[in-house]
Structure formats: C-alpha cells, structure tokens
Amino acid sequence: MTTIDICEDVINVYGHSGYAPEGFDIVCSSISTLTESLDRYLRITENQVETIEGEGRYIIYLDKINNVGKSLINEYKCMVDEIIKEYPMYVRRESNGKVRKVRKICKNT
C-alpha cells in the first residue's frame, strides 16, 4: 500500500501500492506523477522546498510556502483523495500535524 503522509511541514510518500507489478502499476504511477508535479510547481512558484527521493520514498520538506503553494498543496490533497476513492485498498492518506523530527531520520537513509 502507498501511504501519503501530509503534514504541516512535510509531504512523505512511501510504499508500493501493490495494484500491479512495479513498472506496470497505474496507481503508483499516478501518485508519482502527481507528487513530482507538485514538487516542480512549488519550486517554480517561488516556494522554498527540499526534496529527498529514492528507496521507494518521495519526501518534500515545506520550508517556506506562499499562498500559491498552499493552494497547490490543497489541490494535491484533493487529487490524492480522488485516487483513494477509486483505489482505497492500495492508497491511504494520513495527516499528522508537524513532524520536523522526521527530517533528520530520513536524511540518513
């Protein structure tokens, strides 16, 4: 299952959905495309973010987010929820507030 943990200061996407084998999984592909697009749009709209990706994980640290960035993140949440409606057994979304302490752990992995 893919988990998308959206917090005040980080978006952490991890896990394989298991809908299909890697490379053929439309659920993972849609989440990956959506998350990478959010990352790029946040950067071109002058938000300060840091990204770590690899090992089945994509993390976007949200350092300074402007109003456009907040709107992009809200739209991301809506799109993720639409994917979850279609594939509830393969994707879940969590929201855990503020998790700065995760940053140090993830940088070392």
C-alpha atoms as a PDB file:
ATOM      1  CA  MET A   1       0.000   0.000   0.000  1.00  0.00           C
ATOM      2  CA  THR A   2       1.183   3.508  -0.762  1.00  0.00           C
ATOM      3  CA  THR A   3       0.950   5.927   2.141  1.00  0.00           C
ATOM      4  CA  ILE A   4       0.835   9.675   1.639  1.00  0.00           C
ATOM      5  CA  ASP A   5       1.537  11.478   4.892  1.00  0.00           C
ATOM      6  CA  ILE A   6       0.697  15.171   4.550  1.00  0.00           C
ATOM      7  CA  CYS A   7       1.831  17.280   7.476  1.00  0.00           C
ATOM      8  CA  GLU A   8       2.261  20.971   8.107  1.00  0.00           C
ATOM      9  CA  ASP A   9       5.911  20.934   7.108  1.00  0.00           C
ATOM     10  CA  VAL A  10       6.436  17.759   5.068  1.00  0.00           C
ATOM     11  CA  ILE A  11       4.778  15.527   2.496  1.00  0.00           C
ATOM     12  CA  ASN A  12       6.054  11.960   2.767  1.00  0.00           C
ATOM     13  CA  VAL A  13       5.024   9.433   0.109  1.00  0.00           C
ATOM     14  CA  TYR A  14       6.192   5.850   0.534  1.00  0.00           C
ATOM     15  CA  GLY A  15       5.398   2.244  -0.242  1.00  0.00           C
ATOM     16  CA  HIS A  16       4.281   0.350  -3.327  1.00  0.00           C
ATOM     17  CA  SER A  17       0.542   0.202  -3.882  1.00  0.00           C
ATOM     18  CA  GLY A  18       0.543  -3.423  -4.963  1.00  0.00           C
ATOM     19  CA  TYR A  19      -2.067  -2.868  -7.652  1.00  0.00           C
ATOM     20  CA  ALA A  20       0.257  -4.357 -10.266  1.00  0.00           C
ATOM     21  CA  PRO A  21       3.954  -5.282 -10.552  1.00  0.00           C
ATOM     22  CA  GLU A  22       6.431  -2.406 -10.429  1.00  0.00           C
ATOM     23  CA  GLY A  23       6.636  -0.724 -13.800  1.00  0.00           C
ATOM     24  CA  PHE A  24       3.025  -1.600 -14.637  1.00  0.00           C
ATOM     25  CA  ASP A  25       1.246  -0.111 -11.621  1.00  0.00           C
ATOM     26  CA  ILE A  26      -1.109   2.686 -12.689  1.00  0.00           C
ATOM     27  CA  VAL A  27      -1.827   3.623  -9.071  1.00  0.00           C
ATOM     28  CA  CYS A  28       1.842   4.150  -8.206  1.00  0.00           C
ATOM     29  CA  SER A  29       2.381   5.921 -11.492  1.00  0.00           C
ATOM     30  CA  SER A  30      -0.432   8.389 -10.890  1.00  0.00           C
ATOM     31  CA  ILE A  31       0.755   9.171  -7.364  1.00  0.00           C
ATOM     32  CA  SER A  32       4.355   9.560  -8.517  1.00  0.00           C
ATOM     33  CA  THR A  33       3.358  11.904 -11.331  1.00  0.00           C
ATOM     34  CA  LEU A  34       1.131  13.945  -9.043  1.00  0.00           C
ATOM     35  CA  THR A  35       3.798  14.237  -6.334  1.00  0.00           C
ATOM     36  CA  GLU A  36       6.620  15.125  -8.715  1.00  0.00           C
ATOM     37  CA  SER A  37       4.385  17.723 -10.381  1.00  0.00           C
ATOM     38  CA  LEU A  38       3.584  19.277  -7.005  1.00  0.00           C
ATOM     39  CA  ASP A  39       7.300  19.438  -6.203  1.00  0.00           C
ATOM     40  CA  ARG A  40       8.087  21.181  -9.504  1.00  0.00           C
ATOM     41  CA  TYR A  41       5.173  23.618  -9.285  1.00  0.00           C
ATOM     42  CA  LEU A  42       6.113  24.546  -5.730  1.00  0.00           C
ATOM     43  CA  ARG A  43       9.626  25.369  -6.924  1.00  0.00           C
ATOM     44  CA  ILE A  44       8.600  27.473  -9.929  1.00  0.00           C
ATOM     45  CA  THR A  45       6.135  29.465  -7.814  1.00  0.00           C
ATOM     46  CA  GLU A  46       8.951  30.591  -5.504  1.00  0.00           C
ATOM     47  CA  ASN A  47       8.291  28.354  -2.526  1.00  0.00           C
ATOM     48  CA  GLN A  48      11.195  27.011  -0.502  1.00  0.00           C
ATOM     49  CA  VAL A  49      11.193  23.219  -0.503  1.00  0.00           C
ATOM     50  CA  GLU A  50      13.748  20.457  -0.167  1.00  0.00           C
ATOM     51  CA  THR A  51      13.209  17.053  -1.751  1.00  0.00           C
ATOM     52  CA  ILE A  52      14.619  13.650  -0.956  1.00  0.00           C
ATOM     53  CA  GLU A  53      13.717  10.728  -3.177  1.00  0.00           C
ATOM     54  CA  GLY A  54      14.763   7.140  -3.528  1.00  0.00           C
ATOM     55  CA  GLU A  55      14.274   3.727  -1.928  1.00  0.00           C
ATOM     56  CA  GLY A  56      10.515   3.847  -2.563  1.00  0.00           C
ATOM     57  CA  ARG A  57      10.105   7.209  -0.844  1.00  0.00           C
ATOM     58  CA  TYR A  58       9.498  10.791  -2.000  1.00  0.00           C
ATOM     59  CA  ILE A  59       9.729  13.476   0.675  1.00  0.00           C
ATOM     60  CA  ILE A  60       9.020  17.162   0.166  1.00  0.00           C
ATOM     61  CA  TYR A  61      10.035  19.379   3.087  1.00  0.00           C
ATOM     62  CA  LEU A  62       7.937  22.530   3.088  1.00  0.00           C
ATOM     63  CA  ASP A  63      10.217  25.268   4.440  1.00  0.00           C
ATOM     64  CA  LYS A  64       8.511  28.480   3.311  1.00  0.00           C
ATOM     65  CA  ILE A  65       5.222  28.209   1.452  1.00  0.00           C
ATOM     66  CA  ASN A  66       3.392  31.183  -0.057  1.00  0.00           C
ATOM     67  CA  ASN A  67      -0.335  31.411  -0.831  1.00  0.00           C
ATOM     68  CA  VAL A  68       0.101  29.894  -4.282  1.00  0.00           C
ATOM     69  CA  GLY A  69       1.978  26.990  -2.708  1.00  0.00           C
ATOM     70  CA  LYS A  70      -0.782  26.483  -0.155  1.00  0.00           C
ATOM     71  CA  SER A  71      -3.321  26.331  -2.969  1.00  0.00           C
ATOM     72  CA  LEU A  72      -1.173  23.795  -4.844  1.00  0.00           C
ATOM     73  CA  ILE A  73      -0.923  21.615  -1.732  1.00  0.00           C
ATOM     74  CA  ASN A  74      -4.678  21.796  -1.178  1.00  0.00           C
ATOM     75  CA  GLU A  75      -5.281  20.728  -4.770  1.00  0.00           C
ATOM     76  CA  TYR A  76      -2.758  17.908  -4.314  1.00  0.00           C
ATOM     77  CA  LYS A  77      -4.763  16.677  -1.304  1.00  0.00           C
ATOM     78  CA  CYS A  78      -7.969  16.743  -3.370  1.00  0.00           C
ATOM     79  CA  MET A  79      -6.368  14.786  -6.216  1.00  0.00           C
ATOM     80  CA  VAL A  80      -4.915  12.234  -3.793  1.00  0.00           C
ATOM     81  CA  ASP A  81      -8.371  11.819  -2.265  1.00  0.00           C
ATOM     82  CA  GLU A  82      -9.808  11.162  -5.739  1.00  0.00           C
ATOM     83  CA  ILE A  83      -7.246   8.417  -6.303  1.00  0.00           C
ATOM     84  CA  ILE A  84      -8.098   6.949  -2.898  1.00  0.00           C
ATOM     85  CA  LYS A  85     -11.804   6.900  -3.812  1.00  0.00           C
ATOM     86  CA  GLU A  86     -11.012   4.789  -6.870  1.00  0.00           C
ATOM     87  CA  TYR A  87      -8.351   2.568  -5.260  1.00  0.00           C
ATOM     88  CA  PRO A  88      -8.972   2.515  -1.477  1.00  0.00           C
ATOM     89  CA  MET A  89      -7.204  -0.815  -0.964  1.00  0.00           C
ATOM     90  CA  TYR A  90      -3.972   0.484  -2.492  1.00  0.00           C
ATOM     91  CA  VAL A  91      -3.527   4.050  -1.202  1.00  0.00           C
ATOM     92  CA  ARG A  92      -4.066   5.830   2.074  1.00  0.00           C
ATOM     93  CA  ARG A  93      -3.552   9.392   3.255  1.00  0.00           C
ATOM     94  CA  GLU A  94      -2.522  10.447   6.718  1.00  0.00           C
ATOM     95  CA  SER A  95      -2.237  13.868   8.264  1.00  0.00           C
ATOM     96  CA  ASN A  96      -0.154  14.115  11.394  1.00  0.00           C
ATOM     97  CA  GLY A  97       0.390  17.822  12.030  1.00  0.00           C
ATOM     98  CA  LYS A  98       4.005  18.934  12.287  1.00  0.00           C
ATOM     99  CA  VAL A  99       6.850  16.429  12.088  1.00  0.00           C
ATOM    100  CA  ARG A 100      10.205  18.220  11.844  1.00  0.00           C
ATOM    101  CA  LYS A 101      11.954  15.399  13.731  1.00  0.00           C
ATOM    102  CA  VAL A 102      11.386  13.053  10.756  1.00  0.00           C
ATOM    103  CA  ARG A 103      13.715  15.176   8.651  1.00  0.00           C
ATOM    104  CA  LYS A 104      16.896  14.055  10.385  1.00  0.00           C
ATOM    105  CA  ILE A 105      15.950  10.388  10.222  1.00  0.00           C
ATOM    106  CA  CYS A 106      15.091  10.453   6.508  1.00  0.00           C
ATOM    107  CA  LYS A 107      18.277  12.293   5.505  1.00  0.00           C
ATOM    108  CA  ASN A 108      20.350   9.454   6.908  1.00  0.00           C
ATOM    109  CA  THR A 109      18.511   6.724   4.986  1.00  0.00           C
END
